Amino acid sequence: MANIKSAKKRIRQTQVRTLRNKIRKTMVRTAVRRFEDALNRGDLTAAETALTFCYGRLDRAAQKGAIHRNNASRHKSRLAQRLQKAKQSAS
């Protein structure tokens, strides 16, 4: 346990930031899961809506530093590819 006042404060700050980042990452995973569920059901309109929602969650998580911006970009790209592939196979 830290004895110095500033070290104690840093521990508190780290705990708060860790919790916030965990919440943001969970929101991203939930949004991606909803997108995948819509895609598996074959509901392309719901998948498009869910993809837009995923973009917002990923961008926000990257903006706040919960994930790296390249990580968010990679996820967005892969999700969009999956939607396009589903659209092509449906038509």
PDB file of N, CA and C in Angstrom:
ATOM      1  N   MET A   1       0.849  -1.187   0.000  1.00  0.00           N
ATOM      2  CA  MET A   1       0.000   0.000   0.000  1.00  0.00           C
ATOM      3  C   MET A   1       0.885   1.237   0.000  1.00  0.00           C
ATOM      4  N   ALA A   2       0.463   2.220  -0.747  1.00  0.00           N
ATOM      5  CA  ALA A   2       1.229   3.461  -0.855  1.00  0.00           C
ATOM      6  C   ALA A   2       1.121   4.279   0.428  1.00  0.00           C
ATOM      7  N   ASN A   3       2.210   4.952   0.750  1.00  0.00           N
ATOM      8  CA  ASN A   3       2.233   5.813   1.929  1.00  0.00           C
ATOM      9  C   ASN A   3       2.170   7.287   1.560  1.00  0.00           C
ATOM     10  N   ILE A   4       2.658   7.609   0.374  1.00  0.00           N
ATOM     11  CA  ILE A   4       2.705   9.003  -0.061  1.00  0.00           C
ATOM     12  C   ILE A   4       1.318   9.421  -0.548  1.00  0.00           C
ATOM     13  N   LYS A   5       0.936  10.635  -0.196  1.00  0.00           N
ATOM     14  CA  LYS A   5      -0.402  11.142  -0.501  1.00  0.00           C
ATOM     15  C   LYS A   5      -0.686  11.122  -2.001  1.00  0.00           C
ATOM     16  N   SER A   6       0.279  11.567  -2.799  1.00  0.00           N
ATOM     17  CA  SER A   6       0.075  11.607  -4.250  1.00  0.00           C
ATOM     18  C   SER A   6      -0.045  10.203  -4.835  1.00  0.00           C
ATOM     19  N   ALA A   7       0.668   9.248  -4.263  1.00  0.00           N
ATOM     20  CA  ALA A   7       0.578   7.867  -4.730  1.00  0.00           C
ATOM     21  C   ALA A   7      -0.797   7.283  -4.423  1.00  0.00           C
ATOM     22  N   LYS A   8      -1.344   7.629  -3.260  1.00  0.00           N
ATOM     23  CA  LYS A   8      -2.691   7.177  -2.908  1.00  0.00           C
ATOM     24  C   LYS A   8      -3.722   7.747  -3.876  1.00  0.00           C
ATOM     25  N   LYS A   9      -3.527   9.012  -4.231  1.00  0.00           N
ATOM     26  CA  LYS A   9      -4.441   9.657  -5.174  1.00  0.00           C
ATOM     27  C   LYS A   9      -4.356   8.981  -6.540  1.00  0.00           C
ATOM     28  N   ARG A  10      -3.137   8.659  -6.974  1.00  0.00           N
ATOM     29  CA  ARG A  10      -2.959   7.999  -8.264  1.00  0.00           C
ATOM     30  C   ARG A  10      -3.651   6.634  -8.273  1.00  0.00           C
ATOM     31  N   ILE A  11      -3.607   5.936  -7.159  1.00  0.00           N
ATOM     32  CA  ILE A  11      -4.284   4.639  -7.060  1.00  0.00           C
ATOM     33  C   ILE A  11      -5.791   4.819  -7.214  1.00  0.00           C
ATOM     34  N   ARG A  12      -6.333   5.843  -6.536  1.00  0.00           N
ATOM     35  CA  ARG A  12      -7.773   6.120  -6.659  1.00  0.00           C
ATOM     36  C   ARG A  12      -8.133   6.472  -8.096  1.00  0.00           C
ATOM     37  N   GLN A  13      -7.324   7.318  -8.724  1.00  0.00           N
ATOM     38  CA  GLN A  13      -7.589   7.723 -10.104  1.00  0.00           C
ATOM     39  C   GLN A  13      -7.545   6.522 -11.049  1.00  0.00           C
ATOM     40  N   THR A  14      -6.571   5.662 -10.841  1.00  0.00           N
ATOM     41  CA  THR A  14      -6.439   4.477 -11.683  1.00  0.00           C
ATOM     42  C   THR A  14      -7.651   3.570 -11.545  1.00  0.00           C
ATOM     43  N   GLN A  15      -8.152   3.411 -10.326  1.00  0.00           N
ATOM     44  CA  GLN A  15      -9.325   2.569 -10.106  1.00  0.00           C
ATOM     45  C   GLN A  15     -10.541   3.122 -10.839  1.00  0.00           C
ATOM     46  N   VAL A  16     -10.728   4.435 -10.779  1.00  0.00           N
ATOM     47  CA  VAL A  16     -11.867   5.066 -11.449  1.00  0.00           C
ATOM     48  C   VAL A  16     -11.734   4.917 -12.959  1.00  0.00           C
ATOM     49  N   ARG A  17     -10.544   5.183 -13.478  1.00  0.00           N
ATOM     50  CA  ARG A  17     -10.319   5.090 -14.926  1.00  0.00           C
ATOM     51  C   ARG A  17     -10.479   3.665 -15.424  1.00  0.00           C
ATOM     52  N   THR A  18      -9.988   2.710 -14.647  1.00  0.00           N
ATOM     53  CA  THR A  18     -10.118   1.303 -15.026  1.00  0.00           C
ATOM     54  C   THR A  18     -11.584   0.909 -15.110  1.00  0.00           C
ATOM     55  N   LEU A  19     -12.374   1.349 -14.154  1.00  0.00           N
ATOM     56  CA  LEU A  19     -13.801   1.043 -14.153  1.00  0.00           C
ATOM     57  C   LEU A  19     -14.496   1.667 -15.359  1.00  0.00           C
ATOM     58  N   ARG A  20     -14.182   2.927 -15.647  1.00  0.00           N
ATOM     59  CA  ARG A  20     -14.800   3.603 -16.795  1.00  0.00           C
ATOM     60  C   ARG A  20     -14.435   2.917 -18.103  1.00  0.00           C
ATOM     61  N   ASN A  21     -13.150   2.555 -18.244  1.00  0.00           N
ATOM     62  CA  ASN A  21     -12.714   1.887 -19.469  1.00  0.00           C
ATOM     63  C   ASN A  21     -13.371   0.521 -19.612  1.00  0.00           C
ATOM     64  N   LYS A  22     -13.535  -0.166 -18.497  1.00  0.00           N
ATOM     65  CA  LYS A  22     -14.184  -1.477 -18.527  1.00  0.00           C
ATOM     66  C   LYS A  22     -15.628  -1.335 -18.996  1.00  0.00           C
ATOM     67  N   ILE A  23     -16.320  -0.317 -18.504  1.00  0.00           N
ATOM     68  CA  ILE A  23     -17.704  -0.066 -18.911  1.00  0.00           C
ATOM     69  C   ILE A  23     -17.771   0.223 -20.405  1.00  0.00           C
ATOM     70  N   ARG A  24     -16.857   1.060 -20.888  1.00  0.00           N
ATOM     71  CA  ARG A  24     -16.850   1.408 -22.314  1.00  0.00           C
ATOM     72  C   ARG A  24     -16.584   0.184 -23.184  1.00  0.00           C
ATOM     73  N   LYS A  25     -15.639  -0.647 -22.773  1.00  0.00           N
ATOM     74  CA  LYS A  25     -15.331  -1.857 -23.542  1.00  0.00           C
ATOM     75  C   LYS A  25     -16.513  -2.818 -23.538  1.00  0.00           C
ATOM     76  N   THR A  26     -17.213  -2.905 -22.415  1.00  0.00           N
ATOM     77  CA  THR A  26     -18.391  -3.760 -22.328  1.00  0.00           C
ATOM     78  C   THR A  26     -19.481  -3.261 -23.263  1.00  0.00           C
ATOM     79  N   MET A  27     -19.652  -1.944 -23.339  1.00  0.00           N
ATOM     80  CA  MET A  27     -20.655  -1.371 -24.242  1.00  0.00           C
ATOM     81  C   MET A  27     -20.315  -1.691 -25.696  1.00  0.00           C
ATOM     82  N   VAL A  28     -19.029  -1.652 -26.029  1.00  0.00           N
ATOM     83  CA  VAL A  28     -18.592  -1.992 -27.388  1.00  0.00           C
ATOM     84  C   VAL A  28     -18.920  -3.451 -27.681  1.00  0.00           C
ATOM     85  N   ARG A  29     -18.563  -4.332 -26.762  1.00  0.00           N
ATOM     86  CA  ARG A  29     -18.808  -5.764 -26.978  1.00  0.00           C
ATOM     87  C   ARG A  29     -20.301  -6.059 -27.107  1.00  0.00           C
ATOM     88  N   THR A  30     -21.125  -5.381 -26.317  1.00  0.00           N
ATOM     89  CA  THR A  30     -22.573  -5.573 -26.395  1.00  0.00           C
ATOM     90  C   THR A  30     -23.104  -5.114 -27.747  1.00  0.00           C
ATOM     91  N   ALA A  31     -22.616  -3.973 -28.229  1.00  0.00           N
ATOM     92  CA  ALA A  31     -23.051  -3.461 -29.530  1.00  0.00           C
ATOM     93  C   ALA A  31     -22.649  -4.413 -30.646  1.00  0.00           C
ATOM     94  N   VAL A  32     -21.444  -4.939 -30.577  1.00  0.00           N
ATOM     95  CA  VAL A  32     -20.972  -5.887 -31.594  1.00  0.00           C
ATOM     96  C   VAL A  32     -21.803  -7.164 -31.541  1.00  0.00           C
ATOM     97  N   ARG A  33     -22.132  -7.613 -30.342  1.00  0.00           N
ATOM     98  CA  ARG A  33     -22.944  -8.816 -30.188  1.00  0.00           C
ATOM     99  C   ARG A  33     -24.330  -8.613 -30.804  1.00  0.00           C
ATOM    100  N   ARG A  34     -24.911  -7.442 -30.619  1.00  0.00           N
ATOM    101  CA  ARG A  34     -26.226  -7.162 -31.220  1.00  0.00           C
ATOM    102  C   ARG A  34     -26.144  -7.185 -32.740  1.00  0.00           C
ATOM    103  N   PHE A  35     -25.046  -6.631 -33.268  1.00  0.00           N
ATOM    104  CA  PHE A  35     -24.831  -6.652 -34.714  1.00  0.00           C
ATOM    105  C   PHE A  35     -24.728  -8.093 -35.210  1.00  0.00           C
ATOM    106  N   GLU A  36     -23.947  -8.909 -34.520  1.00  0.00           N
ATOM    107  CA  GLU A  36     -23.767 -10.302 -34.924  1.00  0.00           C
ATOM    108  C   GLU A  36     -25.081 -11.075 -34.844  1.00  0.00           C
ATOM    109  N   ASP A  37     -25.878 -10.805 -33.824  1.00  0.00           N
ATOM    110  CA  ASP A  37     -27.175 -11.472 -33.695  1.00  0.00           C
ATOM    111  C   ASP A  37     -28.088 -11.119 -34.864  1.00  0.00           C
ATOM    112  N   ALA A  38     -28.116  -9.841 -35.228  1.00  0.00           N
ATOM    113  CA  ALA A  38     -28.945  -9.410 -36.356  1.00  0.00           C
ATOM    114  C   ALA A  38     -28.456 -10.048 -37.647  1.00  0.00           C
ATOM    115  N   LEU A  39     -27.148 -10.152 -37.795  1.00  0.00           N
ATOM    116  CA  LEU A  39     -26.567 -10.753 -38.993  1.00  0.00           C
ATOM    117  C   LEU A  39     -26.900 -12.242 -39.061  1.00  0.00           C
ATOM    118  N   ASN A  40     -26.819 -12.924 -37.941  1.00  0.00           N
ATOM    119  CA  ASN A  40     -27.117 -14.361 -37.904  1.00  0.00           C
ATOM    120  C   ASN A  40     -28.590 -14.645 -38.168  1.00  0.00           C
ATOM    121  N   ARG A  41     -29.461 -13.723 -37.752  1.00  0.00           N
ATOM    122  CA  ARG A  41     -30.892 -13.873 -38.033  1.00  0.00           C
ATOM    123  C   ARG A  41     -31.203 -13.611 -39.500  1.00  0.00           C
ATOM    124  N   GLY A  42     -30.301 -12.936 -40.189  1.00  0.00           N
ATOM    125  CA  GLY A  42     -30.527 -12.577 -41.580  1.00  0.00           C
ATOM    126  C   GLY A  42     -31.280 -11.271 -41.734  1.00  0.00           C
ATOM    127  N   ASP A  43     -31.425 -10.528 -40.660  1.00  0.00           N
ATOM    128  CA  ASP A  43     -32.124  -9.245 -40.673  1.00  0.00           C
ATOM    129  C   ASP A  43     -31.119  -8.146 -41.032  1.00  0.00           C
ATOM    130  N   LEU A  44     -31.007  -7.845 -42.325  1.00  0.00           N
ATOM    131  CA  LEU A  44     -29.978  -6.914 -42.788  1.00  0.00           C
ATOM    132  C   LEU A  44     -30.266  -5.470 -42.389  1.00  0.00           C
ATOM    133  N   THR A  45     -31.538  -5.087 -42.310  1.00  0.00           N
ATOM    134  CA  THR A  45     -31.842  -3.709 -41.907  1.00  0.00           C
ATOM    135  C   THR A  45     -31.473  -3.490 -40.439  1.00  0.00           C
ATOM    136  N   ALA A  46     -31.774  -4.480 -39.608  1.00  0.00           N
ATOM    137  CA  ALA A  46     -31.387  -4.383 -38.195  1.00  0.00           C
ATOM    138  C   ALA A  46     -29.871  -4.423 -38.056  1.00  0.00           C
ATOM    139  N   ALA A  47     -29.215  -5.189 -38.915  1.00  0.00           N
ATOM    140  CA  ALA A  47     -27.753  -5.271 -38.879  1.00  0.00           C
ATOM    141  C   ALA A  47     -27.127  -3.931 -39.257  1.00  0.00           C
ATOM    142  N   GLU A  48     -27.705  -3.261 -40.244  1.00  0.00           N
ATOM    143  CA  GLU A  48     -27.194  -1.937 -40.634  1.00  0.00           C
ATOM    144  C   GLU A  48     -27.355  -0.937 -39.493  1.00  0.00           C
ATOM    145  N   THR A  49     -28.502  -0.963 -38.849  1.00  0.00           N
ATOM    146  CA  THR A  49     -28.733  -0.078 -37.707  1.00  0.00           C
ATOM    147  C   THR A  49     -27.762  -0.393 -36.576  1.00  0.00           C
ATOM    148  N   ALA A  50     -27.575  -1.672 -36.317  1.00  0.00           N
ATOM    149  CA  ALA A  50     -26.648  -2.089 -35.260  1.00  0.00           C
ATOM    150  C   ALA A  50     -25.215  -1.715 -35.611  1.00  0.00           C
ATOM    151  N   LEU A  51     -24.873  -1.774 -36.897  1.00  0.00           N
ATOM    152  CA  LEU A  51     -23.519  -1.409 -37.328  1.00  0.00           C
ATOM    153  C   LEU A  51     -23.267   0.073 -37.081  1.00  0.00           C
ATOM    154  N   THR A  52     -24.246   0.904 -37.380  1.00  0.00           N
ATOM    155  CA  THR A  52     -24.118   2.336 -37.115  1.00  0.00           C
ATOM    156  C   THR A  52     -23.922   2.591 -35.624  1.00  0.00           C
ATOM    157  N   PHE A  53     -24.664   1.866 -34.813  1.00  0.00           N
ATOM    158  CA  PHE A  53     -24.531   1.978 -33.358  1.00  0.00           C
ATOM    159  C   PHE A  53     -23.142   1.526 -32.910  1.00  0.00           C
ATOM    160  N   CYS A  54     -22.642   0.450 -33.523  1.00  0.00           N
ATOM    161  CA  CYS A  54     -21.290  -0.053 -33.210  1.00  0.00           C
ATOM    162  C   CYS A  54     -20.240   0.995 -33.530  1.00  0.00           C
ATOM    163  N   TYR A  55     -20.403   1.658 -34.674  1.00  0.00           N
ATOM    164  CA  TYR A  55     -19.444   2.698 -35.060  1.00  0.00           C
ATOM    165  C   TYR A  55     -19.349   3.766 -33.973  1.00  0.00           C
ATOM    166  N   GLY A  56     -20.495   4.195 -33.475  1.00  0.00           N
ATOM    167  CA  GLY A  56     -20.507   5.219 -32.436  1.00  0.00           C
ATOM    168  C   GLY A  56     -19.827   4.756 -31.161  1.00  0.00           C
ATOM    169  N   ARG A  57     -20.132   3.531 -30.756  1.00  0.00           N
ATOM    170  CA  ARG A  57     -19.523   2.990 -29.531  1.00  0.00           C
ATOM    171  C   ARG A  57     -18.012   2.841 -29.688  1.00  0.00           C
ATOM    172  N   LEU A  58     -17.575   2.340 -30.845  1.00  0.00           N
ATOM    173  CA  LEU A  58     -16.143   2.155 -31.081  1.00  0.00           C
ATOM    174  C   LEU A  58     -15.418   3.494 -31.131  1.00  0.00           C
ATOM    175  N   ASP A  59     -16.009   4.461 -31.842  1.00  0.00           N
ATOM    176  CA  ASP A  59     -15.381   5.781 -31.941  1.00  0.00           C
ATOM    177  C   ASP A  59     -15.279   6.447 -30.577  1.00  0.00           C
ATOM    178  N   ARG A  60     -16.327   6.311 -29.785  1.00  0.00           N
ATOM    179  CA  ARG A  60     -16.327   6.927 -28.460  1.00  0.00           C
ATOM    180  C   ARG A  60     -15.285   6.273 -27.555  1.00  0.00           C
ATOM    181  N   ALA A  61     -15.191   4.955 -27.614  1.00  0.00           N
ATOM    182  CA  ALA A  61     -14.203   4.248 -26.795  1.00  0.00           C
ATOM    183  C   ALA A  61     -12.789   4.639 -27.201  1.00  0.00           C
ATOM    184  N   ALA A  62     -12.570   4.816 -28.503  1.00  0.00           N
ATOM    185  CA  ALA A  62     -11.247   5.230 -28.984  1.00  0.00           C
ATOM    186  C   ALA A  62     -10.959   6.669 -28.583  1.00  0.00           C
ATOM    187  N   GLN A  63     -11.962   7.512 -28.676  1.00  0.00           N
ATOM    188  CA  GLN A  63     -11.796   8.922 -28.326  1.00  0.00           C
ATOM    189  C   GLN A  63     -11.448   9.081 -26.848  1.00  0.00           C
ATOM    190  N   LYS A  64     -12.042   8.254 -26.007  1.00  0.00           N
ATOM    191  CA  LYS A  64     -11.812   8.345 -24.567  1.00  0.00           C
ATOM    192  C   LYS A  64     -10.587   7.558 -24.112  1.00  0.00           C
ATOM    193  N   GLY A  65      -9.963   6.822 -25.025  1.00  0.00           N
ATOM    194  CA  GLY A  65      -8.730   6.126 -24.684  1.00  0.00           C
ATOM    195  C   GLY A  65      -8.921   4.733 -24.114  1.00  0.00           C
ATOM    196  N   ALA A  66     -10.138   4.210 -24.163  1.00  0.00           N
ATOM    197  CA  ALA A  66     -10.372   2.856 -23.663  1.00  0.00           C
ATOM    198  C   ALA A  66      -9.743   1.828 -24.596  1.00  0.00           C
ATOM    199  N   ILE A  67      -9.789   2.114 -25.902  1.00  0.00           N
ATOM    200  CA  ILE A  67      -9.122   1.282 -26.897  1.00  0.00           C
ATOM    201  C   ILE A  67      -8.344   2.193 -27.834  1.00  0.00           C
ATOM    202  N   HIS A  68      -7.389   1.628 -28.551  1.00  0.00           N
ATOM    203  CA  HIS A  68      -6.588   2.412 -29.487  1.00  0.00           C
ATOM    204  C   HIS A  68      -7.420   2.723 -30.725  1.00  0.00           C
ATOM    205  N   ARG A  69      -7.157   3.856 -31.351  1.00  0.00           N
ATOM    206  CA  ARG A  69      -7.951   4.254 -32.519  1.00  0.00           C
ATOM    207  C   ARG A  69      -7.777   3.282 -33.683  1.00  0.00           C
ATOM    208  N   ASN A  70      -6.598   2.691 -33.817  1.00  0.00           N
ATOM    209  CA  ASN A  70      -6.399   1.694 -34.874  1.00  0.00           C
ATOM    210  C   ASN A  70      -7.206   0.429 -34.590  1.00  0.00           C
ATOM    211  N   ASN A  71      -7.333   0.089 -33.326  1.00  0.00           N
ATOM    212  CA  ASN A  71      -8.149  -1.053 -32.922  1.00  0.00           C
ATOM    213  C   ASN A  71      -9.611  -0.800 -33.304  1.00  0.00           C
ATOM    214  N   ALA A  72     -10.097   0.394 -33.028  1.00  0.00           N
ATOM    215  CA  ALA A  72     -11.474   0.751 -33.379  1.00  0.00           C
ATOM    216  C   ALA A  72     -11.662   0.713 -34.891  1.00  0.00           C
ATOM    217  N   SER A  73     -10.699   1.248 -35.612  1.00  0.00           N
ATOM    218  CA  SER A  73     -10.773   1.272 -37.070  1.00  0.00           C
ATOM    219  C   SER A  73     -10.794  -0.142 -37.639  1.00  0.00           C
ATOM    220  N   ARG A  74      -9.970  -1.006 -37.095  1.00  0.00           N
ATOM    221  CA  ARG A  74      -9.907  -2.398 -37.552  1.00  0.00           C
ATOM    222  C   ARG A  74     -11.237  -3.108 -37.308  1.00  0.00           C
ATOM    223  N   HIS A  75     -11.817  -2.902 -36.127  1.00  0.00           N
ATOM    224  CA  HIS A  75     -13.112  -3.512 -35.821  1.00  0.00           C
ATOM    225  C   HIS A  75     -14.196  -3.009 -36.778  1.00  0.00           C
ATOM    226  N   LYS A  76     -14.226  -1.705 -37.007  1.00  0.00           N
ATOM    227  CA  LYS A  76     -15.227  -1.123 -37.896  1.00  0.00           C
ATOM    228  C   LYS A  76     -15.103  -1.695 -39.301  1.00  0.00           C
ATOM    229  N   SER A  77     -13.877  -1.823 -39.771  1.00  0.00           N
ATOM    230  CA  SER A  77     -13.635  -2.353 -41.106  1.00  0.00           C
ATOM    231  C   SER A  77     -14.112  -3.797 -41.225  1.00  0.00           C
ATOM    232  N   ARG A  78     -13.787  -4.601 -40.248  1.00  0.00           N
ATOM    233  CA  ARG A  78     -14.166  -6.014 -40.293  1.00  0.00           C
ATOM    234  C   ARG A  78     -15.674  -6.203 -40.186  1.00  0.00           C
ATOM    235  N   LEU A  79     -16.326  -5.384 -39.354  1.00  0.00           N
ATOM    236  CA  LEU A  79     -17.780  -5.475 -39.235  1.00  0.00           C
ATOM    237  C   LEU A  79     -18.452  -5.074 -40.542  1.00  0.00           C
ATOM    238  N   ALA A  80     -17.935  -4.026 -41.182  1.00  0.00           N
ATOM    239  CA  ALA A  80     -18.495  -3.579 -42.460  1.00  0.00           C
ATOM    240  C   ALA A  80     -18.305  -4.649 -43.531  1.00  0.00           C
ATOM    241  N   GLN A  81     -17.164  -5.303 -43.529  1.00  0.00           N
ATOM    242  CA  GLN A  81     -16.916  -6.383 -44.490  1.00  0.00           C
ATOM    243  C   GLN A  81     -17.910  -7.521 -44.294  1.00  0.00           C
ATOM    244  N   ARG A  82     -18.188  -7.853 -43.045  1.00  0.00           N
ATOM    245  CA  ARG A  82     -19.142  -8.928 -42.768  1.00  0.00           C
ATOM    246  C   ARG A  82     -20.541  -8.574 -43.259  1.00  0.00           C
ATOM    247  N   LEU A  83     -20.924  -7.298 -43.086  1.00  0.00           N
ATOM    248  CA  LEU A  83     -22.239  -6.870 -43.563  1.00  0.00           C
ATOM    249  C   LEU A  83     -22.301  -6.938 -45.083  1.00  0.00           C
ATOM    250  N   GLN A  84     -21.259  -6.475 -45.749  1.00  0.00           N
ATOM    251  CA  GLN A  84     -21.230  -6.512 -47.214  1.00  0.00           C
ATOM    252  C   GLN A  84     -21.290  -7.946 -47.728  1.00  0.00           C
ATOM    253  N   LYS A  85     -20.574  -8.832 -47.078  1.00  0.00           N
ATOM    254  CA  LYS A  85     -20.584 -10.240 -47.474  1.00  0.00           C
ATOM    255  C   LYS A  85     -21.981 -10.832 -47.307  1.00  0.00           C
ATOM    256  N   ALA A  86     -22.659 -10.471 -46.223  1.00  0.00           N
ATOM    257  CA  ALA A  86     -24.018 -10.961 -45.980  1.00  0.00           C
ATOM    258  C   ALA A  86     -24.985 -10.411 -47.024  1.00  0.00           C
ATOM    259  N   LYS A  87     -24.795  -9.151 -47.414  1.00  0.00           N
ATOM    260  CA  LYS A  87     -25.658  -8.557 -48.441  1.00  0.00           C
ATOM    261  C   LYS A  87     -25.470  -9.255 -49.782  1.00  0.00           C
ATOM    262  N   GLN A  88     -24.227  -9.559 -50.122  1.00  0.00           N
ATOM    263  CA  GLN A  88     -23.955 -10.222 -51.399  1.00  0.00           C
ATOM    264  C   GLN A  88     -24.530 -11.632 -51.427  1.00  0.00           C
ATOM    265  N   SER A  89     -24.420 -12.340 -50.336  1.00  0.00           N
ATOM    266  CA  SER A  89     -24.940 -13.707 -50.297  1.00  0.00           C
ATOM    267  C   SER A  89     -26.467 -13.719 -50.271  1.00  0.00           C
ATOM    268  N   ALA A  90     -27.072 -12.659 -49.748  1.00  0.00           N
ATOM    269  CA  ALA A  90     -28.535 -12.583 -49.685  1.00  0.00           C
ATOM    270  C   ALA A  90     -29.143 -12.290 -51.051  1.00  0.00           C
ATOM    271  N   SER A  91     -28.396 -11.551 -51.872  1.00  0.00           N
ATOM    272  CA  SER A  91     -28.973 -11.182 -53.182  1.00  0.00           C
ATOM    273  C   SER A  91     -28.620 -12.151 -54.274  1.00  0.00           C
TER     274      SER A  91
END
